[in-house]
Amino acid sequence: MKQEYQFRHELKYRISYAQYIELRNRLRTVMQSDIHTGVDGRYLIRSIYFDNYMDKALYEKRDGVLVREKFRIRYYNDDFSYLTLEKKIKDDDLCMKVDAQISEEECRELLAGRMDWMEEHPSPLVQELYAKMRYQMLRPRVLVSYRREPYIYQAGNVRITFDSDIRTTLFHRDFLEEQVLDVDTAQTPQDMILEVKYDAFLPAIIRRLVQIDTLRQTAFSKYEACRRFG
């Protein structure tokens, strides 16, 4: 069955730790924690981002290009048994993710620069990345890691996440390692990123709990933050 994709609203806010505690306590009264989280209500996300030798994705973000895309390989809690290739498409405050599962063997082949298997892959997304690695010279650039605390609300397909401990392997170019060597990117200790994602509408109860109108929206990009030094 063909998977349906659609654009969703994506709003980001930089918040303090005190704001996080207040918002989390409010949201827990009506929202449910994601079932995939650990005992602390969080999980670890690692994403291998692709860019070309001219840093196309990076400069499109910095220059405020409204419609842009990024490719990444994502996995959770250092588990290599479930790896997804994702293309994230941004159109101002709207976003859409197209994804395809790949095996650990396929991922290691790709990271090693062996791409022939991708040309005839059953996933159109893998074939698209293959083409763009050929003519746009996309290559793995950096591993972005962070802790995510997610909450869901069925009406409006709302997903609210708190992201913290954003780390980069900018100066360490090996990927898919058992032991990751990375560094913290935070400019202010304990600052967090609040993300609010929803389909056509944001229910009034969630809007009131989050008090979106009192928060300052940001164009924060984890990839950009992890490329800050080069």
Protein backbone atom coordinates (compact mmCIF):
# COMPACT_ATOMS: atom_id res chain seq x y z
CA MET A 1 0.00 0.00 0.00
CA LYS A 2 1.34 3.40 -0.96
CA GLN A 3 2.11 5.62 2.03
CA GLU A 4 0.36 8.98 2.13
CA TYR A 5 2.36 12.06 3.02
CA GLN A 6 1.06 15.51 3.85
CA PHE A 7 2.38 18.83 5.07
CA ARG A 8 2.05 19.60 8.77
CA HIS A 9 2.49 22.79 10.75
CA GLU A 10 5.77 22.93 12.66
CA LEU A 11 6.42 25.69 15.19
CA LYS A 12 9.64 25.98 17.21
CA TYR A 13 10.41 27.94 20.37
CA ARG A 14 13.56 28.30 22.44
CA ILE A 15 12.60 27.95 26.12
CA SER A 16 14.35 27.97 29.48
CA TYR A 17 14.43 25.03 31.85
CA ALA A 18 11.93 26.79 34.14
CA GLN A 19 9.52 27.22 31.21
CA TYR A 20 9.99 23.56 30.32
CA ILE A 21 8.98 22.41 33.82
CA GLU A 22 5.89 24.62 33.77
CA LEU A 23 4.81 23.58 30.29
CA ARG A 24 5.45 19.89 30.90
CA ASN A 25 3.30 19.91 34.03
CA ARG A 26 0.46 21.57 32.12
CA LEU A 27 0.65 19.29 29.10
CA ARG A 28 0.67 16.12 31.18
CA THR A 29 -2.89 16.90 32.31
CA VAL A 30 -4.29 16.32 28.79
CA MET A 31 -1.55 14.77 26.63
CA GLN A 32 -0.05 11.29 26.62
CA SER A 33 3.61 10.40 26.57
CA ASP A 34 4.79 8.63 23.42
CA ILE A 35 4.74 4.87 23.97
CA HIS A 36 8.27 4.49 22.58
CA THR A 37 9.92 6.47 25.38
CA GLY A 38 11.98 4.99 28.19
CA VAL A 39 11.26 5.11 31.92
CA ASP A 40 12.32 8.77 32.01
CA GLY A 41 9.81 9.67 29.27
CA ARG A 42 12.53 10.41 26.71
CA TYR A 43 14.56 8.74 23.99
CA LEU A 44 17.83 9.42 22.21
CA ILE A 45 17.71 10.48 18.56
CA ARG A 46 20.72 10.41 16.25
CA SER A 47 20.57 11.73 12.69
CA ILE A 48 23.27 11.59 10.02
CA TYR A 49 22.70 14.69 7.86
CA PHE A 50 23.70 14.99 4.21
CA ASP A 51 24.93 18.09 2.41
CA ASN A 52 27.12 18.83 -0.61
CA TYR A 53 30.59 20.36 -0.85
CA MET A 54 29.02 23.83 -1.20
CA ASP A 55 26.87 23.33 1.94
CA LYS A 56 23.67 23.83 -0.03
CA ALA A 57 21.32 22.75 2.78
CA LEU A 58 23.18 24.82 5.37
CA TYR A 59 23.19 28.05 3.35
CA GLU A 60 19.57 27.67 2.26
CA LYS A 61 18.65 27.57 5.95
CA ARG A 62 20.86 30.54 6.85
CA ASP A 63 19.60 32.56 3.88
CA GLY A 64 15.97 31.96 4.82
CA VAL A 65 15.00 30.05 1.67
CA LEU A 66 11.34 29.20 2.31
CA VAL A 67 11.15 25.94 0.35
CA ARG A 68 14.06 23.57 0.97
CA GLU A 69 14.89 19.95 1.72
CA LYS A 70 17.36 17.91 3.76
CA PHE A 71 18.24 14.22 3.72
CA ARG A 72 19.18 12.32 6.85
CA ILE A 73 19.46 8.81 8.26
CA ARG A 74 17.85 8.50 11.67
CA TYR A 75 17.97 5.93 14.46
CA TYR A 76 16.95 5.77 18.11
CA ASN A 77 18.65 4.79 21.37
CA ASP A 78 21.75 3.59 19.47
CA ASP A 79 19.76 0.70 18.00
CA PHE A 80 21.02 -0.06 14.47
CA SER A 81 18.26 -2.62 13.80
CA TYR A 82 15.82 0.12 12.76
CA LEU A 83 17.27 2.79 10.50
CA THR A 84 15.23 5.19 8.39
CA LEU A 85 16.25 7.36 5.49
CA GLU A 86 14.26 10.59 5.62
CA LYS A 87 13.78 13.59 3.38
CA LYS A 88 12.43 16.59 5.26
CA ILE A 89 10.75 19.21 3.12
CA LYS A 90 10.16 22.67 4.57
CA ASP A 91 7.80 25.30 3.20
CA ASP A 92 7.92 28.19 5.68
CA ASP A 93 6.12 26.88 8.82
CA LEU A 94 4.92 23.73 7.04
CA CYS A 95 6.94 20.53 6.91
CA MET A 96 6.65 17.05 5.48
CA LYS A 97 8.77 13.95 5.98
CA VAL A 98 9.16 11.20 3.41
CA ASP A 99 10.87 8.10 4.78
CA ALA A 100 12.04 4.61 3.94
CA GLN A 101 13.52 1.90 6.10
CA ILE A 102 17.01 0.69 5.21
CA SER A 103 19.07 -2.12 6.71
CA GLU A 104 22.25 -1.65 8.70
CA GLU A 105 24.22 -3.31 5.89
CA GLU A 106 22.72 -0.92 3.32
CA CYS A 107 23.46 2.04 5.56
CA ARG A 108 27.10 1.05 6.03
CA GLU A 109 27.49 0.56 2.28
CA LEU A 110 26.08 4.05 1.68
CA LEU A 111 28.32 5.63 4.33
CA ALA A 112 31.34 3.93 2.78
CA GLY A 113 30.51 5.52 -0.58
CA ARG A 114 29.35 2.29 -2.23
CA MET A 115 26.08 3.35 -3.87
CA ASP A 116 25.40 1.00 -6.80
CA TRP A 117 22.80 -0.96 -4.82
CA MET A 118 20.71 2.21 -4.44
CA GLU A 119 19.98 2.66 -8.15
CA GLU A 120 17.57 -0.30 -8.33
CA HIS A 121 16.31 -0.14 -4.74
CA PRO A 122 12.52 -0.69 -4.34
CA SER A 123 12.19 2.59 -2.41
CA PRO A 124 11.81 5.71 -4.61
CA LEU A 125 13.37 7.75 -1.80
CA VAL A 126 16.56 5.65 -1.83
CA GLN A 127 16.69 6.05 -5.61
CA GLU A 128 16.24 9.82 -5.24
CA LEU A 129 19.10 10.06 -2.75
CA TYR A 130 21.24 8.00 -5.11
CA ALA A 131 20.57 10.46 -7.93
CA LYS A 132 21.30 13.48 -5.72
CA MET A 133 24.48 11.92 -4.38
CA ARG A 134 25.50 11.62 -8.04
CA TYR A 135 24.55 15.01 -9.47
CA GLN A 136 24.40 17.20 -6.34
CA MET A 137 27.35 15.42 -4.66
CA LEU A 138 25.43 14.95 -1.41
CA ARG A 139 27.53 13.28 1.27
CA PRO A 140 27.17 12.51 5.01
CA ARG A 141 28.35 15.63 6.86
CA VAL A 142 27.58 15.45 10.57
CA LEU A 143 25.87 13.35 13.23
CA VAL A 144 23.30 15.33 15.22
CA SER A 145 22.24 13.85 18.58
CA TYR A 146 19.71 14.97 21.17
CA ARG A 147 17.27 13.83 23.84
CA ARG A 148 13.56 14.13 23.04
CA GLU A 149 10.58 14.12 25.41
CA PRO A 150 7.43 13.71 23.27
CA TYR A 151 3.71 14.13 24.00
CA ILE A 152 0.75 13.39 21.74
CA TYR A 153 -2.86 14.55 21.48
CA GLN A 154 -5.21 12.75 19.11
CA ALA A 155 -7.37 15.69 18.00
CA GLY A 156 -5.50 17.56 15.28
CA ASN A 157 -2.76 14.90 15.37
CA VAL A 158 -0.77 17.13 17.73
CA ARG A 159 2.76 16.21 18.75
CA ILE A 160 4.68 18.37 21.21
CA THR A 161 8.31 17.66 21.96
CA PHE A 162 11.00 19.03 24.26
CA ASP A 163 14.49 18.60 22.79
CA SER A 164 17.65 19.01 24.85
CA ASP A 165 21.33 18.06 25.03
CA ILE A 166 21.94 18.75 21.33
CA ARG A 167 25.37 17.44 20.40
CA THR A 168 27.54 17.33 17.27
CA THR A 169 30.29 15.17 15.78
CA LEU A 170 31.43 17.95 13.44
CA PHE A 171 35.13 17.18 13.93
CA HIS A 172 34.68 13.41 14.03
CA ARG A 173 33.68 12.05 10.63
CA ASP A 174 32.91 8.40 11.39
CA PHE A 175 29.25 7.36 11.59
CA LEU A 176 27.18 4.48 12.95
CA GLU A 177 29.60 3.81 15.78
CA GLU A 178 28.94 1.91 18.99
CA GLN A 179 30.58 4.70 20.98
CA VAL A 180 29.90 8.22 19.72
CA LEU A 181 32.44 11.02 20.19
CA ASP A 182 30.51 14.29 20.20
CA VAL A 183 30.40 17.70 21.86
CA ASP A 184 27.67 19.91 23.30
CA THR A 185 26.32 22.74 21.11
CA ALA A 186 24.40 24.65 23.80
CA GLN A 187 25.12 28.37 24.12
CA THR A 188 23.06 28.62 27.32
CA PRO A 189 23.06 25.63 29.71
CA GLN A 190 19.70 23.87 30.13
CA ASP A 191 18.02 25.75 27.28
CA MET A 192 15.58 23.56 25.36
CA ILE A 193 13.73 23.58 22.06
CA LEU A 194 9.95 23.24 22.16
CA GLU A 195 8.39 21.94 18.93
CA VAL A 196 4.66 21.98 18.24
CA LYS A 197 3.47 19.94 15.24
CA TYR A 198 -0.09 19.50 14.05
CA ASP A 199 -2.18 18.93 10.93
CA ALA A 200 -4.89 21.40 9.88
CA PHE A 201 -5.60 22.95 13.27
CA LEU A 202 -4.22 23.27 16.79
CA PRO A 203 -6.95 22.53 19.36
CA ALA A 204 -7.83 25.49 21.59
CA ILE A 205 -7.04 23.54 24.77
CA ILE A 206 -3.47 22.89 23.59
CA ARG A 207 -3.04 26.49 22.47
CA ARG A 208 -4.14 27.67 25.94
CA LEU A 209 -1.88 25.22 27.77
CA VAL A 210 1.19 26.08 25.73
CA GLN A 211 0.32 29.80 25.61
CA ILE A 212 1.87 30.07 22.18
CA ASP A 213 1.08 33.77 21.88
CA THR A 214 3.44 34.53 24.79
CA LEU A 215 6.39 32.57 23.36
CA ARG A 216 8.87 33.84 20.82
CA GLN A 217 8.98 31.65 17.73
CA THR A 218 12.42 30.70 16.44
CA ALA A 219 13.78 29.35 13.17
CA PHE A 220 16.17 27.11 15.11
CA SER A 221 17.75 24.26 13.15
CA LYS A 222 19.60 21.44 14.90
CA TYR A 223 21.61 20.82 11.76
CA GLU A 224 22.66 24.48 11.57
CA ALA A 225 23.54 24.51 15.28
CA CYS A 226 25.71 21.44 14.81
CA ARG A 227 27.49 23.05 11.84
CA ARG A 228 28.07 26.29 13.72
CA PHE A 229 31.85 25.89 13.84
CA GLY A 230 32.37 24.90 10.24
